[in-house]
């Protein structure tokens, strides 16, 4: 069992670093937080080159509806109509990928309703988009243009136990310390509240302790073959700079243009410094 676990971690690390090595754009790290609140859900982020988008969903009378709160759901705003069907159309119009020569898009599905009953409805829907969504079959992975990750109310037992699945789980920092952690193949991403790192909200000098904690979290996640993200981060360049410098994989923002400009400028500055 120990040998098998070691092998799974090794394969996950290879996959993670292959993903990072394929990164052709600083926007591979850009995550559209609450993407569905923009004027054009999904498409505003894709037009700006974002590498990850987030959709909150509720199971309501058998339908998977996208909304920030249960009392704001609308029958016409489904996960399929706002995300899955448009992704299939986008991929078909762009040569079979979301972006040419770049890693798969991350579709972070933040479940707000009951974990297990929502997964029962969500899992067959993702299967129907097998041409779009990456899948795992035992120890093998079938690559596709999009990787679905389940966050929020997660089927923590059911999903990893499935031999064939079309999504991975979003873990928490505590999972990095667990002796019985879900394998990285089933939990490829770890996310947590920025408050678990620091109370600093971007005003004044960044605390050195915050930098150290972020760096430690990145090192632990990457050693296990997982990517790392924080939610509840201030939409401020001083915070984004710490995340970029520390190697955080997905950086979330509500202001799509501000983060896009920051990442593009940071990449230019990095190349200029390397050339000196």
Protein backbone atom coordinates (compact mmCIF):
# COMPACT_ATOMS: atom_id res chain seq x y z
CA UNK A 1 0.00 0.00 0.00
CA UNK A 2 2.82 2.40 0.84
CA UNK A 3 4.46 1.71 -2.53
CA UNK A 4 1.16 2.34 -4.33
CA UNK A 5 0.62 5.62 -2.44
CA UNK A 6 4.15 6.75 -3.29
CA UNK A 7 3.55 5.91 -6.94
CA UNK A 8 0.30 7.91 -7.01
CA UNK A 9 2.02 10.94 -5.45
CA UNK A 10 4.89 10.64 -7.92
CA UNK A 11 2.49 10.51 -10.87
CA UNK A 12 0.56 13.48 -9.50
CA UNK A 13 3.77 15.48 -9.14
CA UNK A 14 4.72 14.66 -12.73
CA UNK A 15 1.28 15.80 -13.90
CA UNK A 16 1.46 19.01 -11.85
CA UNK A 17 4.87 20.04 -13.08
CA UNK A 18 3.97 19.07 -16.65
CA UNK A 19 0.96 21.38 -16.33
CA UNK A 20 3.13 24.19 -14.98
CA UNK A 21 5.77 23.61 -17.65
CA UNK A 22 3.11 23.92 -20.38
CA UNK A 23 2.05 27.32 -19.10
CA UNK A 24 2.43 29.74 -22.00
CA UNK A 25 0.70 32.73 -20.47
CA UNK A 26 0.72 34.45 -17.08
CA UNK A 27 -3.07 34.28 -17.36
CA UNK A 28 -2.91 30.53 -16.79
CA UNK A 29 -2.85 31.59 -13.12
CA UNK A 30 -5.87 33.91 -13.41
CA UNK A 31 -9.05 32.69 -11.70
CA UNK A 32 -12.40 34.40 -12.32
CA UNK A 33 -14.01 34.44 -8.87
CA UNK A 34 -17.82 34.29 -9.00
CA UNK A 35 -17.51 34.40 -12.77
CA UNK A 36 -21.26 34.16 -13.33
CA UNK A 37 -21.74 37.68 -11.93
CA UNK A 38 -20.07 39.24 -14.97
CA UNK A 39 -22.06 40.56 -17.91
CA UNK A 40 -21.20 37.50 -19.99
CA UNK A 41 -20.55 34.51 -17.73
CA UNK A 42 -17.59 32.43 -18.93
CA UNK A 43 -17.10 34.42 -22.13
CA UNK A 44 -15.81 37.58 -20.42
CA UNK A 45 -13.13 35.45 -18.74
CA UNK A 46 -12.28 33.47 -21.88
CA UNK A 47 -11.96 36.62 -23.99
CA UNK A 48 -9.39 37.85 -21.45
CA UNK A 49 -7.48 34.56 -21.46
CA UNK A 50 -8.30 33.42 -17.92
CA UNK A 51 -7.10 29.95 -16.97
CA UNK A 52 -9.82 29.22 -14.41
CA UNK A 53 -13.47 30.16 -13.85
CA UNK A 54 -15.76 29.61 -10.87
CA UNK A 55 -19.48 28.86 -10.85
CA UNK A 56 -21.63 28.49 -7.72
CA UNK A 57 -24.48 26.01 -8.13
CA UNK A 58 -27.64 24.98 -6.30
CA UNK A 59 -29.68 21.85 -6.93
CA UNK A 60 -33.28 23.06 -7.24
CA UNK A 61 -36.02 20.65 -8.27
CA UNK A 62 -33.53 18.51 -10.14
CA UNK A 63 -31.89 21.41 -11.98
CA UNK A 64 -28.34 22.67 -11.39
CA UNK A 65 -28.78 26.43 -11.23
CA UNK A 66 -25.97 28.99 -11.11
CA UNK A 67 -26.36 31.77 -8.54
CA UNK A 68 -24.63 33.41 -5.60
CA UNK A 69 -27.59 32.88 -3.25
CA UNK A 70 -30.47 30.43 -3.14
CA UNK A 71 -33.09 33.18 -3.37
CA UNK A 72 -31.59 34.54 -6.62
CA UNK A 73 -31.70 31.35 -8.73
CA UNK A 74 -33.32 31.50 -12.17
CA UNK A 75 -34.49 28.52 -14.18
CA UNK A 76 -32.72 29.73 -17.34
CA UNK A 77 -29.30 30.06 -15.67
CA UNK A 78 -28.16 26.45 -15.49
CA UNK A 79 -24.64 25.10 -15.28
CA UNK A 80 -25.13 23.53 -18.68
CA UNK A 81 -26.46 26.64 -20.43
CA UNK A 82 -23.94 29.09 -18.91
CA UNK A 83 -20.82 26.91 -18.89
CA UNK A 84 -20.85 23.40 -20.35
CA UNK A 85 -22.62 24.06 -23.65
CA UNK A 86 -20.73 27.35 -24.29
CA UNK A 87 -17.43 25.60 -23.52
CA UNK A 88 -18.22 22.92 -26.08
CA UNK A 89 -19.03 25.61 -28.64
CA UNK A 90 -15.91 27.64 -27.80
CA UNK A 91 -13.66 24.58 -28.09
CA UNK A 92 -15.22 23.65 -31.41
CA UNK A 93 -14.55 27.15 -32.74
CA UNK A 94 -10.94 27.22 -31.48
CA UNK A 95 -9.39 24.13 -32.97
CA UNK A 96 -10.29 21.65 -30.24
CA UNK A 97 -8.93 23.52 -27.23
CA UNK A 98 -9.79 26.43 -25.00
CA UNK A 99 -6.47 28.14 -25.76
CA UNK A 100 -3.83 26.93 -28.19
CA UNK A 101 -0.71 25.54 -26.51
CA UNK A 102 -1.89 26.23 -22.98
CA UNK A 103 -2.98 23.99 -20.08
CA UNK A 104 -6.61 22.91 -19.67
CA UNK A 105 -9.07 25.42 -18.31
CA UNK A 106 -10.10 24.81 -14.70
CA UNK A 107 -13.86 24.84 -14.15
CA UNK A 108 -14.31 25.23 -10.40
CA UNK A 109 -17.84 24.19 -9.48
CA UNK A 110 -18.67 25.53 -6.02
CA UNK A 111 -21.60 23.48 -4.72
CA UNK A 112 -23.90 25.37 -2.36
CA UNK A 113 -26.57 22.68 -1.88
CA UNK A 114 -26.33 19.23 -0.27
CA UNK A 115 -23.12 17.51 -1.39
CA UNK A 116 -24.31 14.01 -2.17
CA UNK A 117 -27.67 14.81 -3.79
CA UNK A 118 -26.04 17.52 -5.91
CA UNK A 119 -23.29 15.14 -7.00
CA UNK A 120 -25.91 12.58 -8.05
CA UNK A 121 -27.29 15.19 -10.48
CA UNK A 122 -23.93 16.70 -11.47
CA UNK A 123 -21.95 13.55 -12.21
CA UNK A 124 -24.06 12.31 -15.18
CA UNK A 125 -24.14 15.85 -16.60
CA UNK A 126 -20.34 15.99 -16.64
CA UNK A 127 -20.24 12.55 -18.26
CA UNK A 128 -22.35 13.87 -21.13
CA UNK A 129 -19.57 16.35 -21.81
CA UNK A 130 -16.86 13.71 -22.06
CA UNK A 131 -15.50 15.46 -25.16
CA UNK A 132 -14.94 18.61 -23.06
CA UNK A 133 -14.20 17.44 -19.50
CA UNK A 134 -11.10 15.45 -18.49
CA UNK A 135 -11.80 12.09 -16.84
CA UNK A 136 -10.05 9.55 -14.64
CA UNK A 137 -10.36 5.79 -15.03
CA UNK A 138 -8.56 3.93 -12.29
CA UNK A 139 -4.99 5.25 -12.32
CA UNK A 140 -5.20 6.72 -15.84
CA UNK A 141 -6.38 10.14 -16.94
CA UNK A 142 -8.04 11.06 -20.24
CA UNK A 143 -7.00 14.61 -21.08
CA UNK A 144 -9.55 17.09 -22.35
CA UNK A 145 -9.61 20.91 -22.73
CA UNK A 146 -11.31 21.43 -19.35
CA UNK A 147 -10.69 20.01 -15.86
CA UNK A 148 -13.69 20.15 -13.51
CA UNK A 149 -13.01 20.55 -9.78
CA UNK A 150 -15.74 20.34 -7.13
CA UNK A 151 -15.54 22.82 -4.26
CA UNK A 152 -17.89 23.95 -1.50
CA UNK A 153 -20.19 21.10 -0.42
CA UNK A 154 -18.08 18.22 -1.75
CA UNK A 155 -18.74 14.47 -2.05
CA UNK A 156 -15.58 13.72 -0.07
CA UNK A 157 -16.17 9.96 0.17
CA UNK A 158 -18.24 9.18 -2.90
CA UNK A 159 -16.17 10.89 -5.59
CA UNK A 160 -12.72 9.44 -4.73
CA UNK A 161 -14.24 5.96 -4.49
CA UNK A 162 -15.47 6.05 -8.07
CA UNK A 163 -13.25 4.28 -10.56
CA UNK A 164 -14.56 6.43 -13.43
CA UNK A 165 -15.08 10.10 -12.70
CA UNK A 166 -15.22 13.38 -14.56
CA UNK A 167 -14.10 15.71 -11.76
CA UNK A 168 -11.61 16.10 -8.96
CA UNK A 169 -12.06 17.54 -5.47
CA UNK A 170 -10.93 20.88 -4.11
CA UNK A 171 -9.12 20.22 -0.81
CA UNK A 172 -8.23 22.40 2.16
CA UNK A 173 -4.89 23.20 3.80
CA UNK A 174 -5.62 20.62 6.51
CA UNK A 175 -5.62 17.94 3.80
CA UNK A 176 -1.93 18.61 3.20
CA UNK A 177 -1.16 17.42 6.74
CA UNK A 178 -3.49 14.41 6.81
CA UNK A 179 -1.94 10.97 7.06
CA UNK A 180 -4.94 9.62 5.15
CA UNK A 181 -5.28 12.39 2.59
CA UNK A 182 -7.20 11.86 -0.62
CA UNK A 183 -4.68 11.18 -3.43
CA UNK A 184 -3.74 14.12 -5.61
CA UNK A 185 -5.26 12.35 -8.60
CA UNK A 186 -8.66 12.79 -6.91
CA UNK A 187 -7.86 16.09 -5.15
CA UNK A 188 -5.68 18.03 -7.61
CA UNK A 189 -6.38 21.45 -6.08
CA UNK A 190 -6.23 22.77 -2.52
CA UNK A 191 -7.99 26.03 -1.64
CA UNK A 192 -8.46 27.89 1.61
CA UNK A 193 -9.50 31.20 3.11
CA UNK A 194 -6.84 33.92 3.00
CA UNK A 195 -7.71 34.49 6.68
CA UNK A 196 -6.14 31.10 7.44
CA UNK A 197 -2.84 32.70 6.41
CA UNK A 198 -3.13 36.24 7.72
CA UNK A 199 -5.51 39.03 8.78
CA UNK A 200 -3.58 41.44 6.55
CA UNK A 201 -5.86 42.94 3.90
CA UNK A 202 -3.27 44.67 1.75
CA UNK A 203 -2.85 47.91 3.69
CA UNK A 204 0.58 48.80 4.97
CA UNK A 205 3.69 46.63 4.78
CA UNK A 206 3.05 42.94 4.07
CA UNK A 207 3.84 40.90 7.21
CA UNK A 208 6.86 38.66 6.73
CA UNK A 209 4.95 35.91 8.56
CA UNK A 210 2.30 35.96 5.83
CA UNK A 211 4.93 35.49 3.14
CA UNK A 212 6.43 32.55 5.03
CA UNK A 213 3.06 30.88 5.54
CA UNK A 214 2.14 31.22 1.86
CA UNK A 215 5.53 29.86 0.79
CA UNK A 216 5.17 26.87 3.14
CA UNK A 217 1.67 26.12 1.84
CA UNK A 218 2.89 26.27 -1.76
CA UNK A 219 5.82 23.96 -1.01
CA UNK A 220 3.59 21.41 0.74
CA UNK A 221 0.96 21.43 -2.01
CA UNK A 222 3.48 21.10 -4.83
CA UNK A 223 5.39 18.33 -3.05
CA UNK A 224 2.13 16.34 -3.12
CA UNK A 225 1.37 17.14 -6.76
CA UNK A 226 -1.45 19.58 -6.01
CA UNK A 227 -2.13 23.15 -7.09
CA UNK A 228 -2.93 25.89 -4.56
CA UNK A 229 -5.48 28.71 -4.42
CA UNK A 230 -6.75 31.12 -1.77
CA UNK A 231 -10.20 32.67 -1.67
CA UNK A 232 -11.14 35.95 0.05
CA UNK A 233 -7.92 37.63 -1.12
CA UNK A 234 -8.16 41.42 -1.57
CA UNK A 235 -8.24 42.57 -5.21
CA UNK A 236 -5.01 44.52 -4.74
CA UNK A 237 -1.71 44.29 -6.65
CA UNK A 238 0.31 44.17 -3.42
CA UNK A 239 -1.48 40.94 -2.47
CA UNK A 240 -1.34 39.48 -5.97
CA UNK A 241 2.41 40.16 -6.04
CA UNK A 242 2.96 38.01 -2.95
CA UNK A 243 0.90 35.21 -4.46
CA UNK A 244 2.79 35.32 -7.75
CA UNK A 245 6.20 35.49 -6.11
CA UNK A 246 5.32 32.58 -3.82
CA UNK A 247 4.19 30.36 -6.68
CA UNK A 248 0.46 30.19 -5.88
CA UNK A 249 -1.14 28.48 -8.87
CA UNK A 250 -4.52 30.20 -9.14
CA UNK A 251 -5.04 33.84 -8.20
CA UNK A 252 -8.65 34.90 -7.87
CA UNK A 253 -10.19 38.26 -8.64
CA UNK A 254 -13.58 39.87 -9.21
CA UNK A 255 -12.02 42.63 -11.34
CA UNK A 256 -11.02 40.68 -14.44
CA UNK A 257 -9.27 43.55 -16.20
CA UNK A 258 -7.24 44.63 -13.16
CA UNK A 259 -5.81 41.15 -12.56
CA UNK A 260 -5.20 40.67 -16.27
CA UNK A 261 -3.17 43.88 -16.46
CA UNK A 262 -1.25 43.02 -13.31
CA UNK A 263 -0.25 39.54 -14.50
CA UNK A 264 0.72 40.81 -17.95
CA UNK A 265 2.83 43.63 -16.47
CA UNK A 266 4.42 41.25 -13.97
CA UNK A 267 5.43 38.89 -16.77
CA UNK A 268 7.00 41.75 -18.73
CA UNK A 269 8.91 42.94 -15.65
CA UNK A 270 10.12 39.41 -14.95
CA UNK A 271 11.40 38.96 -18.50
CA UNK A 272 13.14 42.35 -18.37
CA UNK A 273 14.86 41.47 -15.10
CA UNK A 274 15.98 38.09 -16.49
CA UNK A 275 17.47 39.78 -19.56
CA UNK A 276 19.70 42.09 -17.53
